[in-house]
PDB file of all heavy atoms in Angstrom:
ATOM      1  N   PRO A   1      68.035  -6.283-161.805  1.00  0.00           N
ATOM      2  CA  PRO A   1      66.754  -5.893-161.199  1.00  0.00           C
ATOM      3  C   PRO A   1      66.625  -6.310-159.733  1.00  0.00           C
ATOM      4  O   PRO A   1      65.947  -5.641-158.965  1.00  0.00           O
ATOM      5  CB  PRO A   1      65.704  -6.598-162.059  1.00  0.00           C
ATOM      6  CG  PRO A   1      66.401  -7.012-163.302  1.00  0.00           C
ATOM      7  CD  PRO A   1      67.856  -7.130-162.987  1.00  0.00           C
ATOM      8  N   THR A   2      67.264  -7.408-159.342  1.00  0.00           N
ATOM      9  CA  THR A   2      67.163  -7.825-157.939  1.00  0.00           C
ATOM     10  C   THR A   2      67.916  -6.876-157.023  1.00  0.00           C
ATOM     11  O   THR A   2      67.502  -6.659-155.887  1.00  0.00           O
ATOM     12  CB  THR A   2      67.667  -9.271-157.721  1.00  0.00           C
ATOM     13  OG1 THR A   2      69.036  -9.362-158.086  1.00  0.00           O
ATOM     14  CG2 THR A   2      66.833 -10.257-158.523  1.00  0.00           C
ATOM     15  N   VAL A   3      69.014  -6.308-157.495  1.00  0.00           N
ATOM     16  CA  VAL A   3      69.765  -5.320-156.713  1.00  0.00           C
ATOM     17  C   VAL A   3      68.985  -4.015-156.634  1.00  0.00           C
ATOM     18  O   VAL A   3      68.860  -3.403-155.574  1.00  0.00           O
ATOM     19  CB  VAL A   3      71.157  -5.061-157.327  1.00  0.00           C
ATOM     20  CG1 VAL A   3      71.854  -3.896-156.636  1.00  0.00           C
ATOM     21  CG2 VAL A   3      72.023  -6.315-157.252  1.00  0.00           C
ATOM     22  N   MET A   4      68.422  -3.597-157.750  1.00  0.00           N
ATOM     23  CA  MET A   4      67.824  -2.271-157.854  1.00  0.00           C
ATOM     24  C   MET A   4      66.371  -2.195-157.382  1.00  0.00           C
ATOM     25  O   MET A   4      65.817  -1.112-157.290  1.00  0.00           O
ATOM     26  CB  MET A   4      67.925  -1.771-159.296  1.00  0.00           C
ATOM     27  CG  MET A   4      69.354  -1.657-159.813  1.00  0.00           C
ATOM     28  SD  MET A   4      70.411  -0.568-158.824  1.00  0.00           S
ATOM     29  CE  MET A   4      69.756   1.025-159.300  1.00  0.00           C
ATOM     30  N   ARG A   5      65.761  -3.315-157.029  1.00  0.00           N
ATOM     31  CA  ARG A   5      64.324  -3.307-156.730  1.00  0.00           C
ATOM     32  C   ARG A   5      63.941  -2.380-155.590  1.00  0.00           C
ATOM     33  O   ARG A   5      62.810  -1.906-155.551  1.00  0.00           O
ATOM     34  CB  ARG A   5      63.821  -4.721-156.488  1.00  0.00           C
ATOM     35  CG  ARG A   5      64.246  -5.311-155.167  1.00  0.00           C
ATOM     36  CD  ARG A   5      63.645  -6.694-154.967  1.00  0.00           C
ATOM     37  NE  ARG A   5      64.238  -7.264-153.790  1.00  0.00           N
ATOM     38  CZ  ARG A   5      64.883  -8.403-153.747  1.00  0.00           C
ATOM     39  NH1 ARG A   5      65.004  -9.118-154.834  1.00  0.00           N
ATOM     40  NH2 ARG A   5      65.399  -8.827-152.623  1.00  0.00           N
ATOM     41  N   TYR A   6      64.849  -2.098-154.656  1.00  0.00           N
ATOM     42  CA  TYR A   6      64.539  -1.185-153.549  1.00  0.00           C
ATOM     43  C   TYR A   6      65.304   0.138-153.660  1.00  0.00           C
ATOM     44  O   TYR A   6      65.246   0.951-152.754  1.00  0.00           O
ATOM     45  CB  TYR A   6      64.869  -1.829-152.208  1.00  0.00           C
ATOM     46  CG  TYR A   6      64.137  -3.123-151.953  1.00  0.00           C
ATOM     47  CD1 TYR A   6      64.829  -4.282-151.649  1.00  0.00           C
ATOM     48  CD2 TYR A   6      62.748  -3.184-152.024  1.00  0.00           C
ATOM     49  CE1 TYR A   6      64.162  -5.475-151.404  1.00  0.00           C
ATOM     50  CE2 TYR A   6      62.078  -4.373-151.787  1.00  0.00           C
ATOM     51  CZ  TYR A   6      62.793  -5.509-151.476  1.00  0.00           C
ATOM     52  OH  TYR A   6      62.129  -6.687-151.237  1.00  0.00           O
ATOM     53  N   ILE A   7      66.033   0.303-154.750  1.00  0.00           N
ATOM     54  CA  ILE A   7      66.902   1.477-154.883  1.00  0.00           C
ATOM     55  C   ILE A   7      66.383   2.451-155.921  1.00  0.00           C
ATOM     56  O   ILE A   7      66.321   3.657-155.687  1.00  0.00           O
ATOM     57  CB  ILE A   7      68.341   1.034-155.233  1.00  0.00           C
ATOM     58  CG1 ILE A   7      68.919   0.181-154.103  1.00  0.00           C
ATOM     59  CG2 ILE A   7      69.230   2.249-155.493  1.00  0.00           C
ATOM     60  CD1 ILE A   7      70.226  -0.490-154.442  1.00  0.00           C
ATOM     61  N   GLY A   8      66.055   1.930-157.088  1.00  0.00           N
ATOM     62  CA  GLY A   8      65.607   2.802-158.170  1.00  0.00           C
ATOM     63  C   GLY A   8      65.581   2.048-159.471  1.00  0.00           C
ATOM     64  O   GLY A   8      65.605   0.811-159.502  1.00  0.00           O
ATOM     65  N   GLU A   9      65.545   2.786-160.557  1.00  0.00           N
ATOM     66  CA  GLU A   9      65.475   2.189-161.888  1.00  0.00           C
ATOM     67  C   GLU A   9      66.744   1.407-162.195  1.00  0.00           C
ATOM     68  O   GLU A   9      67.844   1.813-161.824  1.00  0.00           O
ATOM     69  CB  GLU A   9      65.304   3.293-162.941  1.00  0.00           C
ATOM     70  CG  GLU A   9      64.008   4.074-162.818  1.00  0.00           C
ATOM     71  CD  GLU A   9      62.800   3.226-163.137  1.00  0.00           C
ATOM     72  OE1 GLU A   9      62.866   2.395-164.069  1.00  0.00           O
ATOM     73  OE2 GLU A   9      61.782   3.391-162.439  1.00  0.00           O
ATOM     74  N   VAL A  10      66.570   0.288-162.892  1.00  0.00           N
ATOM     75  CA  VAL A  10      67.710  -0.447-163.436  1.00  0.00           C
ATOM     76  C   VAL A  10      68.452   0.500-164.373  1.00  0.00           C
ATOM     77  O   VAL A  10      67.835   1.284-165.098  1.00  0.00           O
ATOM     78  CB  VAL A  10      67.212  -1.709-164.185  1.00  0.00           C
ATOM     79  CG1 VAL A  10      68.326  -2.362-164.977  1.00  0.00           C
ATOM     80  CG2 VAL A  10      66.575  -2.680-163.197  1.00  0.00           C
ATOM     81  N   GLN A  11      69.772   0.437-164.355  1.00  0.00           N
ATOM     82  CA  GLN A  11      70.567   1.366-165.147  1.00  0.00           C
ATOM     83  C   GLN A  11      71.318   0.643-166.259  1.00  0.00           C
ATOM     84  O   GLN A  11      71.866  -0.443-166.038  1.00  0.00           O
ATOM     85  CB  GLN A  11      71.592   2.081-164.264  1.00  0.00           C
ATOM     86  CG  GLN A  11      70.971   2.950-163.202  1.00  0.00           C
ATOM     87  CD  GLN A  11      72.003   3.593-162.291  1.00  0.00           C
ATOM     88  OE1 GLN A  11      73.180   3.245-162.301  1.00  0.00           O
ATOM     89  NE2 GLN A  11      71.558   4.551-161.494  1.00  0.00           N
ATOM     90  N   ASP A  12      71.365   1.278-167.425  1.00  0.00           N
ATOM     91  CA  ASP A  12      72.257   0.776-168.459  1.00  0.00           C
ATOM     92  C   ASP A  12      73.671   1.255-168.125  1.00  0.00           C
ATOM     93  O   ASP A  12      73.893   1.967-167.143  1.00  0.00           O
ATOM     94  CB  ASP A  12      71.792   1.210-169.855  1.00  0.00           C
ATOM     95  CG  ASP A  12      71.808   2.718-170.076  1.00  0.00           C
ATOM     96  OD1 ASP A  12      72.454   3.469-169.294  1.00  0.00           O
ATOM     97  OD2 ASP A  12      71.163   3.174-171.029  1.00  0.00           O
ATOM     98  N   ARG A  13      74.637   0.856-168.934  1.00  0.00           N
ATOM     99  CA  ARG A  13      76.042   1.178-168.642  1.00  0.00           C
ATOM    100  C   ARG A  13      76.280   2.689-168.560  1.00  0.00           C
ATOM    101  O   ARG A  13      76.979   3.163-167.664  1.00  0.00           O
ATOM    102  CB  ARG A  13      76.948   0.544-169.690  1.00  0.00           C
ATOM    103  CG  ARG A  13      78.420   0.758-169.412  1.00  0.00           C
ATOM    104  CD  ARG A  13      79.281   0.076-170.481  1.00  0.00           C
ATOM    105  NE  ARG A  13      80.677   0.393-170.308  1.00  0.00           N
ATOM    106  CZ  ARG A  13      81.473  -0.178-169.432  1.00  0.00           C
ATOM    107  NH1 ARG A  13      81.024  -1.127-168.645  1.00  0.00           N
ATOM    108  NH2 ARG A  13      82.744   0.188-169.338  1.00  0.00           N
ATOM    109  N   ALA A  14      75.693   3.447-169.461  1.00  0.00           N
ATOM    110  CA  ALA A  14      75.904   4.899-169.461  1.00  0.00           C
ATOM    111  C   ALA A  14      75.352   5.530-168.184  1.00  0.00           C
ATOM    112  O   ALA A  14      75.999   6.386-167.575  1.00  0.00           O
ATOM    113  CB  ALA A  14      75.258   5.526-170.696  1.00  0.00           C
ATOM    114  N   ALA A  15      74.160   5.111-167.767  1.00  0.00           N
ATOM    115  CA  ALA A  15      73.568   5.648-166.538  1.00  0.00           C
ATOM    116  C   ALA A  15      74.384   5.231-165.319  1.00  0.00           C
ATOM    117  O   ALA A  15      74.573   6.018-164.382  1.00  0.00           O
ATOM    118  CB  ALA A  15      72.128   5.190-166.396  1.00  0.00           C
ATOM    119  N   ALA A  16      74.873   3.989-165.316  1.00  0.00           N
ATOM    120  CA  ALA A  16      75.706   3.527-164.205  1.00  0.00           C
ATOM    121  C   ALA A  16      77.007   4.331-164.135  1.00  0.00           C
ATOM    122  O   ALA A  16      77.470   4.684-163.044  1.00  0.00           O
ATOM    123  CB  ALA A  16      75.999   2.037-164.347  1.00  0.00           C
ATOM    124  N   PHE A  17      77.587   4.639-165.291  1.00  0.00           N
ATOM    125  CA  PHE A  17      78.803   5.456-165.297  1.00  0.00           C
ATOM    126  C   PHE A  17      78.527   6.834-164.706  1.00  0.00           C
ATOM    127  O   PHE A  17      79.303   7.342-163.889  1.00  0.00           O
ATOM    128  CB  PHE A  17      79.367   5.581-166.714  1.00  0.00           C
ATOM    129  CG  PHE A  17      80.641   6.375-166.767  1.00  0.00           C
ATOM    130  CD1 PHE A  17      81.845   5.800-166.395  1.00  0.00           C
ATOM    131  CD2 PHE A  17      80.633   7.698-167.169  1.00  0.00           C
ATOM    132  CE1 PHE A  17      83.029   6.538-166.418  1.00  0.00           C
ATOM    133  CE2 PHE A  17      81.801   8.442-167.202  1.00  0.00           C
ATOM    134  CZ  PHE A  17      83.007   7.855-166.826  1.00  0.00           C
ATOM    135  N   ARG A  18      77.399   7.436-165.077  1.00  0.00           N
ATOM    136  CA  ARG A  18      77.038   8.739-164.507  1.00  0.00           C
ATOM    137  C   ARG A  18      76.814   8.631-163.000  1.00  0.00           C
ATOM    138  O   ARG A  18      77.214   9.521-162.239  1.00  0.00           O
ATOM    139  CB  ARG A  18      75.801   9.306-165.211  1.00  0.00           C
ATOM    140  CG  ARG A  18      76.075   9.784-166.632  1.00  0.00           C
ATOM    141  CD  ARG A  18      74.901  10.547-167.233  1.00  0.00           C
ATOM    142  NE  ARG A  18      73.690   9.751-167.357  1.00  0.00           N
ATOM    143  CZ  ARG A  18      73.416   8.951-168.382  1.00  0.00           C
ATOM    144  NH1 ARG A  18      74.274   8.829-169.383  1.00  0.00           N
ATOM    145  NH2 ARG A  18      72.277   8.278-168.413  1.00  0.00           N
ATOM    146  N   SER A  19      76.218   7.545-162.554  1.00  0.00           N
ATOM    147  CA  SER A  19      76.005   7.318-161.126  1.00  0.00           C
ATOM    148  C   SER A  19      77.336   7.206-160.384  1.00  0.00           C
ATOM    149  O   SER A  19      77.510   7.766-159.296  1.00  0.00           O
ATOM    150  CB  SER A  19      75.170   6.050-160.932  1.00  0.00           C
ATOM    151  OG  SER A  19      75.093   5.691-159.584  1.00  0.00           O
ATOM    152  N   LEU A  20      78.275   6.480-160.973  1.00  0.00           N
ATOM    153  CA  LEU A  20      79.603   6.360-160.371  1.00  0.00           C
ATOM    154  C   LEU A  20      80.272   7.734-160.308  1.00  0.00           C
ATOM    155  O   LEU A  20      80.874   8.084-159.279  1.00  0.00           O
ATOM    156  CB  LEU A  20      80.440   5.362-161.167  1.00  0.00           C
ATOM    157  CG  LEU A  20      81.735   4.912-160.532  1.00  0.00           C
ATOM    158  CD1 LEU A  20      82.059   3.483-160.966  1.00  0.00           C
ATOM    159  CD2 LEU A  20      82.876   5.814-160.910  1.00  0.00           C
ATOM    160  N   CYS A  21      80.156   8.504-161.353  1.00  0.00           N
ATOM    161  CA  CYS A  21      80.726   9.864-161.356  1.00  0.00           C
ATOM    162  C   CYS A  21      80.069  10.735-160.288  1.00  0.00           C
ATOM    163  O   CYS A  21      80.741  11.522-159.621  1.00  0.00           O
ATOM    164  CB  CYS A  21      80.574  10.510-162.732  1.00  0.00           C
ATOM    165  SG  CYS A  21      81.609   9.762-164.004  1.00  0.00           S
ATOM    166  N   ALA A  22      78.757  10.583-160.108  1.00  0.00           N
ATOM    167  CA  ALA A  22      78.062  11.333-159.057  1.00  0.00           C
ATOM    168  C   ALA A  22      78.572  10.938-157.682  1.00  0.00           C
ATOM    169  O   ALA A  22      78.708  11.790-156.797  1.00  0.00           O
ATOM    170  CB  ALA A  22      76.547  11.110-159.163  1.00  0.00           C
ATOM    171  N   ALA A  23      78.864   9.647-157.495  1.00  0.00           N
ATOM    172  CA  ALA A  23      79.411   9.192-156.206  1.00  0.00           C
ATOM    173  C   ALA A  23      80.738   9.875-155.917  1.00  0.00           C
ATOM    174  O   ALA A  23      80.984  10.359-154.805  1.00  0.00           O
ATOM    175  CB  ALA A  23      79.572   7.669-156.213  1.00  0.00           C
ATOM    176  N   LEU A  24      81.590   9.950-156.923  1.00  0.00           N
ATOM    177  CA  LEU A  24      82.879  10.633-156.740  1.00  0.00           C
ATOM    178  C   LEU A  24      82.685  12.132-156.527  1.00  0.00           C
ATOM    179  O   LEU A  24      83.339  12.737-155.678  1.00  0.00           O
ATOM    180  CB  LEU A  24      83.781  10.372-157.946  1.00  0.00           C
ATOM    181  CG  LEU A  24      84.306   8.949-158.061  1.00  0.00           C
ATOM    182  CD1 LEU A  24      84.956   8.726-159.414  1.00  0.00           C
ATOM    183  CD2 LEU A  24      85.274   8.643-156.932  1.00  0.00           C
ATOM    184  N   GLY A  25      81.762  12.726-157.257  1.00  0.00           N
ATOM    185  CA  GLY A  25      81.487  14.153-157.099  1.00  0.00           C
ATOM    186  C   GLY A  25      80.929  14.484-155.729  1.00  0.00           C
ATOM    187  O   GLY A  25      81.183  15.568-155.184  1.00  0.00           O
ATOM    188  N   HIS A  26      80.165  13.558-155.158  1.00  0.00           N
ATOM    189  CA  HIS A  26      79.600  13.764-153.827  1.00  0.00           C
ATOM    190  C   HIS A  26      80.713  14.031-152.814  1.00  0.00           C
ATOM    191  O   HIS A  26      80.585  14.899-151.940  1.00  0.00           O
ATOM    192  CB  HIS A  26      78.761  12.544-153.429  1.00  0.00           C
ATOM    193  CG  HIS A  26      77.744  12.823-152.379  1.00  0.00           C
ATOM    194  ND1 HIS A  26      78.074  13.027-151.062  1.00  0.00           N
ATOM    195  CD2 HIS A  26      76.401  12.937-152.442  1.00  0.00           C
ATOM    196  CE1 HIS A  26      76.980  13.247-150.363  1.00  0.00           C
ATOM    197  NE2 HIS A  26      75.942  13.204-151.184  1.00  0.00           N
ATOM    198  N   TRP A  27      81.803  13.284-152.933  1.00  0.00           N
ATOM    199  CA  TRP A  27      82.946  13.501-152.041  1.00  0.00           C
ATOM    200  C   TRP A  27      83.473  14.933-152.153  1.00  0.00           C
ATOM    201  O   TRP A  27      83.797  15.563-151.147  1.00  0.00           O
ATOM    202  CB  TRP A  27      84.070  12.514-152.369  1.00  0.00           C
ATOM    203  CG  TRP A  27      83.846  11.169-151.784  1.00  0.00           C
ATOM    204  CD1 TRP A  27      83.299  10.074-152.404  1.00  0.00           C
ATOM    205  CD2 TRP A  27      84.138  10.777-150.448  1.00  0.00           C
ATOM    206  NE1 TRP A  27      83.244   9.037-151.517  1.00  0.00           N
ATOM    207  CE2 TRP A  27      83.765   9.427-150.315  1.00  0.00           C
ATOM    208  CE3 TRP A  27      84.699  11.428-149.349  1.00  0.00           C
ATOM    209  CZ2 TRP A  27      83.919   8.723-149.132  1.00  0.00           C
ATOM    210  CZ3 TRP A  27      84.862  10.719-148.169  1.00  0.00           C
ATOM    211  CH2 TRP A  27      84.467   9.394-148.064  1.00  0.00           C
ATOM    212  N   HIS A  28      83.554  15.432-153.359  1.00  0.00           N
ATOM    213  CA  HIS A  28      84.121  16.766-153.570  1.00  0.00           C
ATOM    214  C   HIS A  28      83.174  17.877-153.124  1.00  0.00           C
ATOM    215  O   HIS A  28      83.632  18.924-152.666  1.00  0.00           O
ATOM    216  CB  HIS A  28      84.529  16.930-155.040  1.00  0.00           C
ATOM    217  CG  HIS A  28      85.660  16.032-155.399  1.00  0.00           C
ATOM    218  ND1 HIS A  28      86.962  16.307-155.098  1.00  0.00           N
ATOM    219  CD2 HIS A  28      85.659  14.816-155.994  1.00  0.00           C
ATOM    220  CE1 HIS A  28      87.740  15.317-155.494  1.00  0.00           C
ATOM    221  NE2 HIS A  28      86.970  14.405-156.041  1.00  0.00           N
ATOM    222  N   LEU A  29      81.878  17.657-153.235  1.00  0.00           N
ATOM    223  CA  LEU A  29      80.908  18.676-152.839  1.00  0.00           C
ATOM    224  C   LEU A  29      80.566  18.636-151.349  1.00  0.00           C
ATOM    225  O   LEU A  29      80.358  19.681-150.740  1.00  0.00           O
ATOM    226  CB  LEU A  29      79.630  18.544-153.670  1.00  0.00           C
ATOM    227  CG  LEU A  29      79.790  18.838-155.152  1.00  0.00           C
ATOM    228  CD1 LEU A  29      78.490  18.525-155.884  1.00  0.00           C
ATOM    229  CD2 LEU A  29      80.201  20.286-155.379  1.00  0.00           C
ATOM    230  N   ARG A  30      80.480  17.451-150.774  1.00  0.00           N
ATOM    231  CA  ARG A  30      80.030  17.303-149.388  1.00  0.00           C
ATOM    232  C   ARG A  30      81.148  16.930-148.416  1.00  0.00           C
ATOM    233  O   ARG A  30      80.974  17.041-147.210  1.00  0.00           O
ATOM    234  CB  ARG A  30      78.946  16.229-149.292  1.00  0.00           C
ATOM    235  CG  ARG A  30      77.700  16.504-150.103  1.00  0.00           C
ATOM    236  CD  ARG A  30      76.704  17.286-149.322  1.00  0.00           C
ATOM    237  NE  ARG A  30      75.389  17.236-149.967  1.00  0.00           N
ATOM    238  CZ  ARG A  30      74.601  18.282-150.048  1.00  0.00           C
ATOM    239  NH1 ARG A  30      74.949  19.432-149.529  1.00  0.00           N
ATOM    240  NH2 ARG A  30      73.431  18.168-150.652  1.00  0.00           N
ATOM    241  N   GLY A  31      82.259  16.411-148.945  1.00  0.00           N
ATOM    242  CA  GLY A  31      83.329  15.961-148.049  1.00  0.00           C
ATOM    243  C   GLY A  31      83.138  14.537-147.564  1.00  0.00           C
ATOM    244  O   GLY A  31      83.896  14.039-146.739  1.00  0.00           O
ATOM    245  N   PHE A  32      82.122  13.863-148.079  1.00  0.00           N
ATOM    246  CA  PHE A  32      81.865  12.448-147.803  1.00  0.00           C
ATOM    247  C   PHE A  32      81.089  11.889-148.976  1.00  0.00           C
ATOM    248  O   PHE A  32      80.595  12.645-149.817  1.00  0.00           O
ATOM    249  CB  PHE A  32      81.093  12.245-146.489  1.00  0.00           C
ATOM    250  CG  PHE A  32      79.801  13.017-146.387  1.00  0.00           C
ATOM    251  CD1 PHE A  32      78.619  12.525-146.930  1.00  0.00           C
ATOM    252  CD2 PHE A  32      79.761  14.252-145.750  1.00  0.00           C
ATOM    253  CE1 PHE A  32      77.429  13.247-146.837  1.00  0.00           C
ATOM    254  CE2 PHE A  32      78.580  14.981-145.644  1.00  0.00           C
ATOM    255  CZ  PHE A  32      77.410  14.471-146.192  1.00  0.00           C
ATOM    256  N   GLY A  33      80.991  10.574-149.045  1.00  0.00           N
ATOM    257  CA  GLY A  33      80.267   9.963-150.156  1.00  0.00           C
ATOM    258  C   GLY A  33      80.358   8.459-150.100  1.00  0.00           C
ATOM    259  O   GLY A  33      80.790   7.880-149.108  1.00  0.00           O
ATOM    260  N   PRO A  34      79.964   7.802-151.185  1.00  0.00           N
ATOM    261  CA  PRO A  34      80.014   6.343-151.248  1.00  0.00           C
ATOM    262  C   PRO A  34      81.414   5.836-151.629  1.00  0.00           C
ATOM    263  O   PRO A  34      82.152   6.496-152.357  1.00  0.00           O
ATOM    264  CB  PRO A  34      79.023   5.978-152.348  1.00  0.00           C
ATOM    265  CG  PRO A  34      78.307   7.235-152.699  1.00  0.00           C
ATOM    266  CD  PRO A  34      79.177   8.368-152.271  1.00  0.00           C
ATOM    267  N   TRP A  35      81.709   4.668-151.127  1.00  0.00           N
ATOM    268  CA  TRP A  35      82.930   3.945-151.495  1.00  0.00           C
ATOM    269  C   TRP A  35      82.558   2.731-152.330  1.00  0.00           C
ATOM    270  O   TRP A  35      81.448   2.209-152.225  1.00  0.00           O
ATOM    271  CB  TRP A  35      83.631   3.389-150.246  1.00  0.00           C
ATOM    272  CG  TRP A  35      84.265   4.351-149.328  1.00  0.00           C
ATOM    273  CD1 TRP A  35      85.529   4.873-149.419  1.00  0.00           C
ATOM    274  CD2 TRP A  35      83.718   4.880-148.110  1.00  0.00           C
ATOM    275  NE1 TRP A  35      85.771   5.697-148.340  1.00  0.00           N
ATOM    276  CE2 TRP A  35      84.680   5.720-147.528  1.00  0.00           C
ATOM    277  CE3 TRP A  35      82.488   4.732-147.453  1.00  0.00           C
ATOM    278  CZ2 TRP A  35      84.465   6.396-146.326  1.00  0.00           C
ATOM    279  CZ3 TRP A  35      82.272   5.404-146.270  1.00  0.00           C
ATOM    280  CH2 TRP A  35      83.259   6.230-145.719  1.00  0.00           C
ATOM    281  N   ALA A  36      83.525   2.238-153.095  1.00  0.00           N
ATOM    282  CA  ALA A  36      83.429   0.906-153.677  1.00  0.00           C
ATOM    283  C   ALA A  36      83.762  -0.070-152.552  1.00  0.00           C
ATOM    284  O   ALA A  36      84.591   0.225-151.684  1.00  0.00           O
ATOM    285  CB  ALA A  36      84.431   0.748-154.815  1.00  0.00           C
ATOM    286  N   ILE A  37      83.109  -1.229-152.565  1.00  0.00           N
ATOM    287  CA  ILE A  37      83.388  -2.255-151.558  1.00  0.00           C
ATOM    288  C   ILE A  37      84.037  -3.437-152.258  1.00  0.00           C
ATOM    289  O   ILE A  37      83.541  -3.909-153.278  1.00  0.00           O
ATOM    290  CB  ILE A  37      82.099  -2.769-150.883  1.00  0.00           C
ATOM    291  CG1 ILE A  37      81.262  -1.633-150.337  1.00  0.00           C
ATOM    292  CG2 ILE A  37      82.438  -3.774-149.780  1.00  0.00           C
ATOM    293  CD1 ILE A  37      79.849  -2.083-149.959  1.00  0.00           C
TER     294      ILE A  37
END
């Protein structure tokens, strides 16, 4: 909750997995996206 308080809803594992997949998909659709740090 401390990480997500300014970002959005706290995510369970399934939602986080979908979010990670969306990050990878963003690269394919837009040509840029988020990286893991």
